[in-house]
PDB file of all heavy atoms in Angstrom:
ATOM      1  N   VAL A   1       0.849  -1.193   0.000  1.00  0.00           N
ATOM      2  CA  VAL A   1       0.000   0.000   0.000  1.00  0.00           C
ATOM      3  C   VAL A   1       0.882   1.239   0.000  1.00  0.00           C
ATOM      4  O   VAL A   1       1.763   1.384   0.834  1.00  0.00           O
ATOM      5  CB  VAL A   1      -0.928   0.016   1.238  1.00  0.00           C
ATOM      6  CG1 VAL A   1      -1.715   1.311   1.308  1.00  0.00           C
ATOM      7  CG2 VAL A   1      -1.862  -1.177   1.214  1.00  0.00           C
ATOM      8  N   SER A   2       0.634   2.124  -0.960  1.00  0.00           N
ATOM      9  CA  SER A   2       1.384   3.379  -1.021  1.00  0.00           C
ATOM     10  C   SER A   2       0.533   4.489  -0.428  1.00  0.00           C
ATOM     11  O   SER A   2      -0.547   4.778  -0.909  1.00  0.00           O
ATOM     12  CB  SER A   2       1.741   3.713  -2.467  1.00  0.00           C
ATOM     13  OG  SER A   2       2.312   5.004  -2.516  1.00  0.00           O
ATOM     14  N   ILE A   3       1.041   5.098   0.601  1.00  0.00           N
ATOM     15  CA  ILE A   3       0.325   6.198   1.245  1.00  0.00           C
ATOM     16  C   ILE A   3       1.175   7.468   1.195  1.00  0.00           C
ATOM     17  O   ILE A   3       0.900   8.458   1.838  1.00  0.00           O
ATOM     18  CB  ILE A   3      -0.069   5.799   2.687  1.00  0.00           C
ATOM     19  CG1 ILE A   3      -1.132   6.730   3.224  1.00  0.00           C
ATOM     20  CG2 ILE A   3       1.140   5.712   3.585  1.00  0.00           C
ATOM     21  CD1 ILE A   3      -1.886   6.204   4.413  1.00  0.00           C
ATOM     22  N   LYS A   4       2.217   7.457   0.391  1.00  0.00           N
ATOM     23  CA  LYS A   4       3.181   8.552   0.325  1.00  0.00           C
ATOM     24  C   LYS A   4       2.899   9.578  -0.770  1.00  0.00           C
ATOM     25  O   LYS A   4       3.613  10.555  -0.889  1.00  0.00           O
ATOM     26  CB  LYS A   4       4.590   7.988   0.105  1.00  0.00           C
ATOM     27  CG  LYS A   4       5.020   6.991   1.129  1.00  0.00           C
ATOM     28  CD  LYS A   4       5.711   7.655   2.252  1.00  0.00           C
ATOM     29  CE  LYS A   4       6.253   6.608   3.210  1.00  0.00           C
ATOM     30  NZ  LYS A   4       6.490   7.141   4.498  1.00  0.00           N
ATOM     31  N   SER A   5       1.875   9.391  -1.569  1.00  0.00           N
ATOM     32  CA  SER A   5       1.690  10.253  -2.732  1.00  0.00           C
ATOM     33  C   SER A   5       0.818  11.492  -2.472  1.00  0.00           C
ATOM     34  O   SER A   5       0.431  12.171  -3.406  1.00  0.00           O
ATOM     35  CB  SER A   5       1.110   9.443  -3.892  1.00  0.00           C
ATOM     36  OG  SER A   5      -0.140   8.920  -3.525  1.00  0.00           O
ATOM     37  N   TYR A   6       0.544  11.784  -1.223  1.00  0.00           N
ATOM     38  CA  TYR A   6      -0.177  13.006  -0.895  1.00  0.00           C
ATOM     39  C   TYR A   6       0.793  14.177  -0.853  1.00  0.00           C
ATOM     40  O   TYR A   6       1.995  13.988  -0.662  1.00  0.00           O
ATOM     41  CB  TYR A   6      -0.872  12.864   0.464  1.00  0.00           C
ATOM     42  CG  TYR A   6      -1.944  11.810   0.467  1.00  0.00           C
ATOM     43  CD1 TYR A   6      -1.681  10.524   0.898  1.00  0.00           C
ATOM     44  CD2 TYR A   6      -3.213  12.097   0.010  1.00  0.00           C
ATOM     45  CE1 TYR A   6      -2.658   9.550   0.892  1.00  0.00           C
ATOM     46  CE2 TYR A   6      -4.204  11.133  -0.015  1.00  0.00           C
ATOM     47  CZ  TYR A   6      -3.920   9.867   0.424  1.00  0.00           C
ATOM     48  OH  TYR A   6      -4.886   8.906   0.404  1.00  0.00           O
ATOM     49  N   MET A   7       0.278  15.405  -1.014  1.00  0.00           N
ATOM     50  CA  MET A   7       1.163  16.575  -0.948  1.00  0.00           C
ATOM     51  C   MET A   7       1.875  16.627   0.395  1.00  0.00           C
ATOM     52  O   MET A   7       3.037  16.975   0.477  1.00  0.00           O
ATOM     53  CB  MET A   7       0.374  17.865  -1.176  1.00  0.00           C
ATOM     54  CG  MET A   7       0.065  18.113  -2.628  1.00  0.00           C
ATOM     55  SD  MET A   7      -0.516  19.783  -2.936  1.00  0.00           S
ATOM     56  CE  MET A   7      -2.147  19.708  -2.211  1.00  0.00           C
ATOM     57  N   GLU A   8       1.166  16.311   1.440  1.00  0.00           N
ATOM     58  CA  GLU A   8       1.752  16.193   2.775  1.00  0.00           C
ATOM     59  C   GLU A   8       1.399  14.802   3.288  1.00  0.00           C
ATOM     60  O   GLU A   8       0.350  14.594   3.893  1.00  0.00           O
ATOM     61  CB  GLU A   8       1.196  17.264   3.704  1.00  0.00           C
ATOM     62  CG  GLU A   8       1.875  17.285   5.041  1.00  0.00           C
ATOM     63  CD  GLU A   8       1.422  18.459   5.883  1.00  0.00           C
ATOM     64  OE1 GLU A   8       1.378  19.590   5.377  1.00  0.00           O
ATOM     65  OE2 GLU A   8       1.089  18.221   7.051  1.00  0.00           O
ATOM     66  N   PRO A   9       2.236  13.823   2.989  1.00  0.00           N
ATOM     67  CA  PRO A   9       1.882  12.434   3.309  1.00  0.00           C
ATOM     68  C   PRO A   9       1.792  12.175   4.815  1.00  0.00           C
ATOM     69  O   PRO A   9       2.513  12.792   5.592  1.00  0.00           O
ATOM     70  CB  PRO A   9       3.010  11.607   2.700  1.00  0.00           C
ATOM     71  CG  PRO A   9       3.950  12.536   2.077  1.00  0.00           C
ATOM     72  CD  PRO A   9       3.517  13.928   2.333  1.00  0.00           C
ATOM     73  N   PRO A  10       0.908  11.267   5.194  1.00  0.00           N
ATOM     74  CA  PRO A  10       0.877  10.840   6.600  1.00  0.00           C
ATOM     75  C   PRO A  10       2.215  10.197   6.964  1.00  0.00           C
ATOM     76  O   PRO A  10       2.936   9.702   6.087  1.00  0.00           O
ATOM     77  CB  PRO A  10      -0.239   9.801   6.638  1.00  0.00           C
ATOM     78  CG  PRO A  10      -0.984   9.948   5.372  1.00  0.00           C
ATOM     79  CD  PRO A  10      -0.074  10.577   4.388  1.00  0.00           C
ATOM     80  N   LYS A  11       2.532  10.207   8.246  1.00  0.00           N
ATOM     81  CA  LYS A  11       3.816   9.680   8.710  1.00  0.00           C
ATOM     82  C   LYS A  11       3.615   8.405   9.530  1.00  0.00           C
ATOM     83  O   LYS A  11       2.686   8.316  10.343  1.00  0.00           O
ATOM     84  CB  LYS A  11       4.528  10.734   9.547  1.00  0.00           C
ATOM     85  CG  LYS A  11       4.879  11.964   8.748  1.00  0.00           C
ATOM     86  CD  LYS A  11       5.534  13.020   9.609  1.00  0.00           C
ATOM     87  CE  LYS A  11       5.886  14.199   8.728  1.00  0.00           C
ATOM     88  NZ  LYS A  11       5.390  15.448   9.235  1.00  0.00           N
ATOM     89  N   GLU A  12       4.536   7.481   9.303  1.00  0.00           N
ATOM     90  CA  GLU A  12       4.498   6.215  10.032  1.00  0.00           C
ATOM     91  C   GLU A  12       4.636   6.464  11.529  1.00  0.00           C
ATOM     92  O   GLU A  12       5.423   7.305  11.963  1.00  0.00           O
ATOM     93  CB  GLU A  12       5.640   5.308   9.549  1.00  0.00           C
ATOM     94  CG  GLU A  12       5.654   3.950  10.191  1.00  0.00           C
ATOM     95  CD  GLU A  12       6.756   3.053   9.666  1.00  0.00           C
ATOM     96  OE1 GLU A  12       7.387   3.388   8.656  1.00  0.00           O
ATOM     97  OE2 GLU A  12       6.974   2.003  10.291  1.00  0.00           O
ATOM     98  N   ASN A  13       3.874   5.748  12.320  1.00  0.00           N
ATOM     99  CA  ASN A  13       3.845   5.826  13.776  1.00  0.00           C
ATOM    100  C   ASN A  13       3.338   7.164  14.312  1.00  0.00           C
ATOM    101  O   ASN A  13       3.394   7.412  15.512  1.00  0.00           O
ATOM    102  CB  ASN A  13       5.202   5.489  14.393  1.00  0.00           C
ATOM    103  CG  ASN A  13       5.586   4.058  14.130  1.00  0.00           C
ATOM    104  OD1 ASN A  13       4.745   3.174  14.168  1.00  0.00           O
ATOM    105  ND2 ASN A  13       6.845   3.828  13.828  1.00  0.00           N
ATOM    106  N   ILE A  14       2.873   8.022  13.433  1.00  0.00           N
ATOM    107  CA  ILE A  14       2.208   9.259  13.835  1.00  0.00           C
ATOM    108  C   ILE A  14       0.771   9.227  13.329  1.00  0.00           C
ATOM    109  O   ILE A  14      -0.157   9.581  14.046  1.00  0.00           O
ATOM    110  CB  ILE A  14       2.958  10.494  13.308  1.00  0.00           C
ATOM    111  CG1 ILE A  14       4.325  10.570  13.979  1.00  0.00           C
ATOM    112  CG2 ILE A  14       2.157  11.769  13.553  1.00  0.00           C
ATOM    113  CD1 ILE A  14       5.226  11.659  13.451  1.00  0.00           C
ATOM    114  N   HIS A  15       0.606   8.762  12.066  1.00  0.00           N
ATOM    115  CA  HIS A  15      -0.721   8.687  11.451  1.00  0.00           C
ATOM    116  C   HIS A  15      -1.125   7.260  11.074  1.00  0.00           C
ATOM    117  O   HIS A  15      -2.289   7.014  10.808  1.00  0.00           O
ATOM    118  CB  HIS A  15      -0.770   9.541  10.179  1.00  0.00           C
ATOM    119  CG  HIS A  15      -0.403  10.962  10.412  1.00  0.00           C
ATOM    120  ND1 HIS A  15       0.787  11.488   9.976  1.00  0.00           N
ATOM    121  CD2 HIS A  15      -1.067  11.966  11.031  1.00  0.00           C
ATOM    122  CE1 HIS A  15       0.841  12.771  10.309  1.00  0.00           C
ATOM    123  NE2 HIS A  15      -0.267  13.083  10.954  1.00  0.00           N
ATOM    124  N   TYR A  16      -0.189   6.368  10.979  1.00  0.00           N
ATOM    125  CA  TYR A  16      -0.498   4.990  10.596  1.00  0.00           C
ATOM    126  C   TYR A  16       0.555   4.047  11.152  1.00  0.00           C
ATOM    127  O   TYR A  16       1.623   4.471  11.594  1.00  0.00           O
ATOM    128  CB  TYR A  16      -0.616   4.830   9.078  1.00  0.00           C
ATOM    129  CG  TYR A  16       0.661   5.061   8.312  1.00  0.00           C
ATOM    130  CD1 TYR A  16       1.520   4.012   8.010  1.00  0.00           C
ATOM    131  CD2 TYR A  16       1.009   6.327   7.872  1.00  0.00           C
ATOM    132  CE1 TYR A  16       2.691   4.213   7.299  1.00  0.00           C
ATOM    133  CE2 TYR A  16       2.171   6.550   7.163  1.00  0.00           C
ATOM    134  CZ  TYR A  16       3.010   5.490   6.876  1.00  0.00           C
ATOM    135  OH  TYR A  16       4.176   5.706   6.176  1.00  0.00           O
ATOM    136  N   ILE A  17       0.233   2.759  11.107  1.00  0.00           N
ATOM    137  CA  ILE A  17       1.126   1.705  11.580  1.00  0.00           C
ATOM    138  C   ILE A  17       1.452   0.810  10.394  1.00  0.00           C
ATOM    139  O   ILE A  17       0.582   0.520   9.582  1.00  0.00           O
ATOM    140  CB  ILE A  17       0.439   0.876  12.676  1.00  0.00           C
ATOM    141  CG1 ILE A  17       0.131   1.766  13.877  1.00  0.00           C
ATOM    142  CG2 ILE A  17       1.276  -0.320  13.090  1.00  0.00           C
ATOM    143  CD1 ILE A  17      -0.850   1.156  14.831  1.00  0.00           C
ATOM    144  N   VAL A  18       2.688   0.382  10.305  1.00  0.00           N
ATOM    145  CA  VAL A  18       3.099  -0.532   9.239  1.00  0.00           C
ATOM    146  C   VAL A  18       3.168  -1.950   9.804  1.00  0.00           C
ATOM    147  O   VAL A  18       3.705  -2.175  10.883  1.00  0.00           O
ATOM    148  CB  VAL A  18       4.482  -0.138   8.665  1.00  0.00           C
ATOM    149  CG1 VAL A  18       5.006  -1.198   7.715  1.00  0.00           C
ATOM    150  CG2 VAL A  18       4.399   1.199   7.969  1.00  0.00           C
ATOM    151  N   CYS A  19       2.609  -2.866   9.051  1.00  0.00           N
ATOM    152  CA  CYS A  19       2.678  -4.290   9.394  1.00  0.00           C
ATOM    153  C   CYS A  19       3.151  -5.033   8.150  1.00  0.00           C
ATOM    154  O   CYS A  19       2.490  -4.984   7.120  1.00  0.00           O
ATOM    155  CB  CYS A  19       1.317  -4.790   9.849  1.00  0.00           C
ATOM    156  SG  CYS A  19       1.332  -6.522  10.304  1.00  0.00           S
ATOM    157  N   LYS A  20       4.282  -5.707   8.253  1.00  0.00           N
ATOM    158  CA  LYS A  20       4.848  -6.387   7.088  1.00  0.00           C
ATOM    159  C   LYS A  20       4.121  -7.676   6.734  1.00  0.00           C
ATOM    160  O   LYS A  20       4.093  -8.075   5.592  1.00  0.00           O
ATOM    161  CB  LYS A  20       6.332  -6.655   7.319  1.00  0.00           C
ATOM    162  CG  LYS A  20       7.088  -5.354   7.399  1.00  0.00           C
ATOM    163  CD  LYS A  20       8.567  -5.558   7.493  1.00  0.00           C
ATOM    164  CE  LYS A  20       9.164  -4.197   7.393  1.00  0.00           C
ATOM    165  NZ  LYS A  20      10.190  -3.814   8.135  1.00  0.00           N
ATOM    166  N   ASN A  21       3.543  -8.327   7.737  1.00  0.00           N
ATOM    167  CA  ASN A  21       2.774  -9.544   7.466  1.00  0.00           C
ATOM    168  C   ASN A  21       1.785  -9.789   8.600  1.00  0.00           C
ATOM    169  O   ASN A  21       1.972  -9.287   9.707  1.00  0.00           O
ATOM    170  CB  ASN A  21       3.702 -10.750   7.245  1.00  0.00           C
ATOM    171  CG  ASN A  21       4.521 -11.061   8.458  1.00  0.00           C
ATOM    172  OD1 ASN A  21       3.988 -11.296   9.533  1.00  0.00           O
ATOM    173  ND2 ASN A  21       5.841 -11.068   8.307  1.00  0.00           N
ATOM    174  N   PRO A  22       0.748 -10.540   8.334  1.00  0.00           N
ATOM    175  CA  PRO A  22      -0.291 -10.775   9.352  1.00  0.00           C
ATOM    176  C   PRO A  22       0.217 -11.466  10.617  1.00  0.00           C
ATOM    177  O   PRO A  22      -0.345 -11.289  11.695  1.00  0.00           O
ATOM    178  CB  PRO A  22      -1.311 -11.657   8.637  1.00  0.00           C
ATOM    179  CG  PRO A  22      -1.043 -11.481   7.190  1.00  0.00           C
ATOM    180  CD  PRO A  22       0.411 -11.136   7.054  1.00  0.00           C
ATOM    181  N   ASP A  23       1.294 -12.212  10.485  1.00  0.00           N
ATOM    182  CA  ASP A  23       1.805 -12.940  11.638  1.00  0.00           C
ATOM    183  C   ASP A  23       2.280 -12.027  12.757  1.00  0.00           C
ATOM    184  O   ASP A  23       2.189 -12.375  13.927  1.00  0.00           O
ATOM    185  CB  ASP A  23       2.945 -13.880  11.225  1.00  0.00           C
ATOM    186  CG  ASP A  23       2.483 -14.963  10.275  1.00  0.00           C
ATOM    187  OD1 ASP A  23       1.290 -15.340  10.342  1.00  0.00           O
ATOM    188  OD2 ASP A  23       3.292 -15.417   9.458  1.00  0.00           O
ATOM    189  N   ASN A  24       2.807 -10.859  12.405  1.00  0.00           N
ATOM    190  CA  ASN A  24       3.307  -9.986  13.460  1.00  0.00           C
ATOM    191  C   ASN A  24       2.322  -8.889  13.868  1.00  0.00           C
ATOM    192  O   ASN A  24       2.632  -8.066  14.713  1.00  0.00           O
ATOM    193  CB  ASN A  24       4.667  -9.402  13.091  1.00  0.00           C
ATOM    194  CG  ASN A  24       4.605  -8.388  11.987  1.00  0.00           C
ATOM    195  OD1 ASN A  24       3.603  -8.241  11.300  1.00  0.00           O
ATOM    196  ND2 ASN A  24       5.691  -7.669  11.805  1.00  0.00           N
ATOM    197  N   LEU A  25       1.132  -8.882  13.289  1.00  0.00           N
ATOM    198  CA  LEU A  25       0.150  -7.852  13.610  1.00  0.00           C
ATOM    199  C   LEU A  25      -0.249  -7.879  15.088  1.00  0.00           C
ATOM    200  O   LEU A  25      -0.275  -6.834  15.746  1.00  0.00           O
ATOM    201  CB  LEU A  25      -1.093  -7.991  12.730  1.00  0.00           C
ATOM    202  CG  LEU A  25      -2.180  -6.957  12.985  1.00  0.00           C
ATOM    203  CD1 LEU A  25      -1.658  -5.540  12.746  1.00  0.00           C
ATOM    204  CD2 LEU A  25      -3.385  -7.244  12.093  1.00  0.00           C
ATOM    205  N   LYS A  26      -0.528  -9.039  15.616  1.00  0.00           N
ATOM    206  CA  LYS A  26      -0.938  -9.142  17.026  1.00  0.00           C
ATOM    207  C   LYS A  26       0.149  -8.591  17.942  1.00  0.00           C
ATOM    208  O   LYS A  26      -0.146  -7.862  18.894  1.00  0.00           O
ATOM    209  CB  LYS A  26      -1.259 -10.592  17.380  1.00  0.00           C
ATOM    210  CG  LYS A  26      -1.839 -10.756  18.746  1.00  0.00           C
ATOM    211  CD  LYS A  26      -2.278 -12.183  18.987  1.00  0.00           C
ATOM    212  CE  LYS A  26      -2.900 -12.311  20.360  1.00  0.00           C
ATOM    213  NZ  LYS A  26      -3.377 -13.657  20.636  1.00  0.00           N
ATOM    214  N   ASN A  27       1.393  -8.900  17.651  1.00  0.00           N
ATOM    215  CA  ASN A  27       2.510  -8.408  18.446  1.00  0.00           C
ATOM    216  C   ASN A  27       2.608  -6.881  18.370  1.00  0.00           C
ATOM    217  O   ASN A  27       2.793  -6.214  19.388  1.00  0.00           O
ATOM    218  CB  ASN A  27       3.816  -9.054  17.973  1.00  0.00           C
ATOM    219  CG  ASN A  27       4.985  -8.661  18.832  1.00  0.00           C
ATOM    220  OD1 ASN A  27       4.878  -8.606  20.056  1.00  0.00           O
ATOM    221  ND2 ASN A  27       6.105  -8.374  18.199  1.00  0.00           N
ATOM    222  N   ILE A  28       2.465  -6.334  17.179  1.00  0.00           N
ATOM    223  CA  ILE A  28       2.523  -4.883  17.000  1.00  0.00           C
ATOM    224  C   ILE A  28       1.413  -4.206  17.798  1.00  0.00           C
ATOM    225  O   ILE A  28       1.652  -3.247  18.538  1.00  0.00           O
ATOM    226  CB  ILE A  28       2.423  -4.507  15.505  1.00  0.00           C
ATOM    227  CG1 ILE A  28       3.692  -4.919  14.759  1.00  0.00           C
ATOM    228  CG2 ILE A  28       2.179  -3.009  15.325  1.00  0.00           C
ATOM    229  CD1 ILE A  28       3.584  -4.813  13.254  1.00  0.00           C
ATOM    230  N   LEU A  29       0.210  -4.704  17.649  1.00  0.00           N
ATOM    231  CA  LEU A  29      -0.936  -4.084  18.308  1.00  0.00           C
ATOM    232  C   LEU A  29      -0.868  -4.203  19.829  1.00  0.00           C
ATOM    233  O   LEU A  29      -1.261  -3.275  20.541  1.00  0.00           O
ATOM    234  CB  LEU A  29      -2.238  -4.689  17.786  1.00  0.00           C
ATOM    235  CG  LEU A  29      -2.507  -4.477  16.296  1.00  0.00           C
ATOM    236  CD1 LEU A  29      -3.814  -5.138  15.900  1.00  0.00           C
ATOM    237  CD2 LEU A  29      -2.505  -3.001  15.932  1.00  0.00           C
ATOM    238  N   SER A  30      -0.367  -5.308  20.318  1.00  0.00           N
ATOM    239  CA  SER A  30      -0.306  -5.496  21.775  1.00  0.00           C
ATOM    240  C   SER A  30       0.751  -4.600  22.426  1.00  0.00           C
ATOM    241  O   SER A  30       0.716  -4.396  23.634  1.00  0.00           O
ATOM    242  CB  SER A  30      -0.048  -6.955  22.123  1.00  0.00           C
ATOM    243  OG  SER A  30       1.232  -7.346  21.692  1.00  0.00           O
ATOM    244  N   ASN A  31       1.666  -4.055  21.648  1.00  0.00           N
ATOM    245  CA  ASN A  31       2.719  -3.196  22.191  1.00  0.00           C
ATOM    246  C   ASN A  31       2.414  -1.705  22.066  1.00  0.00           C
ATOM    247  O   ASN A  31       3.296  -0.874  22.277  1.00  0.00           O
ATOM    248  CB  ASN A  31       4.054  -3.512  21.515  1.00  0.00           C
ATOM    249  CG  ASN A  31       4.606  -4.830  21.986  1.00  0.00           C
ATOM    250  OD1 ASN A  31       4.641  -5.106  23.181  1.00  0.00           O
ATOM    251  ND2 ASN A  31       5.017  -5.665  21.050  1.00  0.00           N
ATOM    252  N   ILE A  32       1.182  -1.364  21.740  1.00  0.00           N
ATOM    253  CA  ILE A  32       0.789   0.040  21.643  1.00  0.00           C
ATOM    254  C   ILE A  32      -0.119   0.352  22.834  1.00  0.00           C
ATOM    255  O   ILE A  32      -1.161  -0.278  23.007  1.00  0.00           O
ATOM    256  CB  ILE A  32       0.068   0.326  20.311  1.00  0.00           C
ATOM    257  CG1 ILE A  32       1.016   0.053  19.141  1.00  0.00           C
ATOM    258  CG2 ILE A  32      -0.419   1.772  20.272  1.00  0.00           C
ATOM    259  CD1 ILE A  32       0.374   0.204  17.780  1.00  0.00           C
ATOM    260  N   SER A  33       0.283   1.329  23.615  1.00  0.00           N
ATOM    261  CA  SER A  33      -0.485   1.695  24.808  1.00  0.00           C
ATOM    262  C   SER A  33      -1.777   2.414  24.425  1.00  0.00           C
ATOM    263  O   SER A  33      -1.912   2.936  23.317  1.00  0.00           O
ATOM    264  CB  SER A  33       0.352   2.599  25.713  1.00  0.00           C
ATOM    265  OG  SER A  33       0.541   3.865  25.090  1.00  0.00           O
ATOM    266  N   GLN A  34      -2.692   2.483  25.362  1.00  0.00           N
ATOM    267  CA  GLN A  34      -3.953   3.199  25.159  1.00  0.00           C
ATOM    268  C   GLN A  34      -3.672   4.672  24.835  1.00  0.00           C
ATOM    269  O   GLN A  34      -4.293   5.248  23.953  1.00  0.00           O
ATOM    270  CB  GLN A  34      -4.837   3.083  26.411  1.00  0.00           C
ATOM    271  CG  GLN A  34      -6.168   3.795  26.296  1.00  0.00           C
ATOM    272  CD  GLN A  34      -7.125   3.136  25.315  1.00  0.00           C
ATOM    273  OE1 GLN A  34      -7.054   1.935  25.089  1.00  0.00           O
ATOM    274  NE2 GLN A  34      -8.002   3.913  24.742  1.00  0.00           N
ATOM    275  N   ASP A  35      -2.725   5.271  25.544  1.00  0.00           N
ATOM    276  CA  ASP A  35      -2.366   6.666  25.313  1.00  0.00           C
ATOM    277  C   ASP A  35      -1.845   6.870  23.885  1.00  0.00           C
ATOM    278  O   ASP A  35      -2.221   7.819  23.204  1.00  0.00           O
ATOM    279  CB  ASP A  35      -1.304   7.110  26.330  1.00  0.00           C
ATOM    280  CG  ASP A  35      -0.947   8.571  26.195  1.00  0.00           C
ATOM    281  OD1 ASP A  35      -1.862   9.422  26.205  1.00  0.00           O
ATOM    282  OD2 ASP A  35       0.264   8.872  26.067  1.00  0.00           O
ATOM    283  N   LYS A  36      -0.997   5.952  23.426  1.00  0.00           N
ATOM    284  CA  LYS A  36      -0.463   6.036  22.061  1.00  0.00           C
ATOM    285  C   LYS A  36      -1.584   5.894  21.034  1.00  0.00           C
ATOM    286  O   LYS A  36      -1.625   6.617  20.038  1.00  0.00           O
ATOM    287  CB  LYS A  36       0.609   4.963  21.851  1.00  0.00           C
ATOM    288  CG  LYS A  36       1.200   4.900  20.457  1.00  0.00           C
ATOM    289  CD  LYS A  36       2.066   6.104  20.139  1.00  0.00           C
ATOM    290  CE  LYS A  36       2.732   5.908  18.788  1.00  0.00           C
ATOM    291  NZ  LYS A  36       3.491   7.069  18.375  1.00  0.00           N
ATOM    292  N   TRP A  37      -2.536   4.954  21.270  1.00  0.00           N
ATOM    293  CA  TRP A  37      -3.674   4.792  20.353  1.00  0.00           C
ATOM    294  C   TRP A  37      -4.463   6.088  20.253  1.00  0.00           C
ATOM    295  O   TRP A  37      -4.857   6.504  19.170  1.00  0.00           O
ATOM    296  CB  TRP A  37      -4.613   3.678  20.821  1.00  0.00           C
ATOM    297  CG  TRP A  37      -4.248   2.332  20.318  1.00  0.00           C
ATOM    298  CD1 TRP A  37      -3.895   1.265  21.080  1.00  0.00           C
ATOM    299  CD2 TRP A  37      -4.191   1.889  18.958  1.00  0.00           C
ATOM    300  NE1 TRP A  37      -3.612   0.189  20.261  1.00  0.00           N
ATOM    301  CE2 TRP A  37      -3.791   0.541  18.958  1.00  0.00           C
ATOM    302  CE3 TRP A  37      -4.425   2.508  17.739  1.00  0.00           C
ATOM    303  CZ2 TRP A  37      -3.633  -0.194  17.800  1.00  0.00           C
ATOM    304  CZ3 TRP A  37      -4.274   1.767  16.576  1.00  0.00           C
ATOM    305  CH2 TRP A  37      -3.881   0.436  16.618  1.00  0.00           C
TER     306      TRP A  37
END
């Protein structure tokens, strides 16, 4: 998924989360605090 083609693109870990494969999604999500969400 390309999300970089906007004039001011969203930034990783500020506006979106990157997941390279479904296997690590649960791990990524479990390591994000409520405050960060």
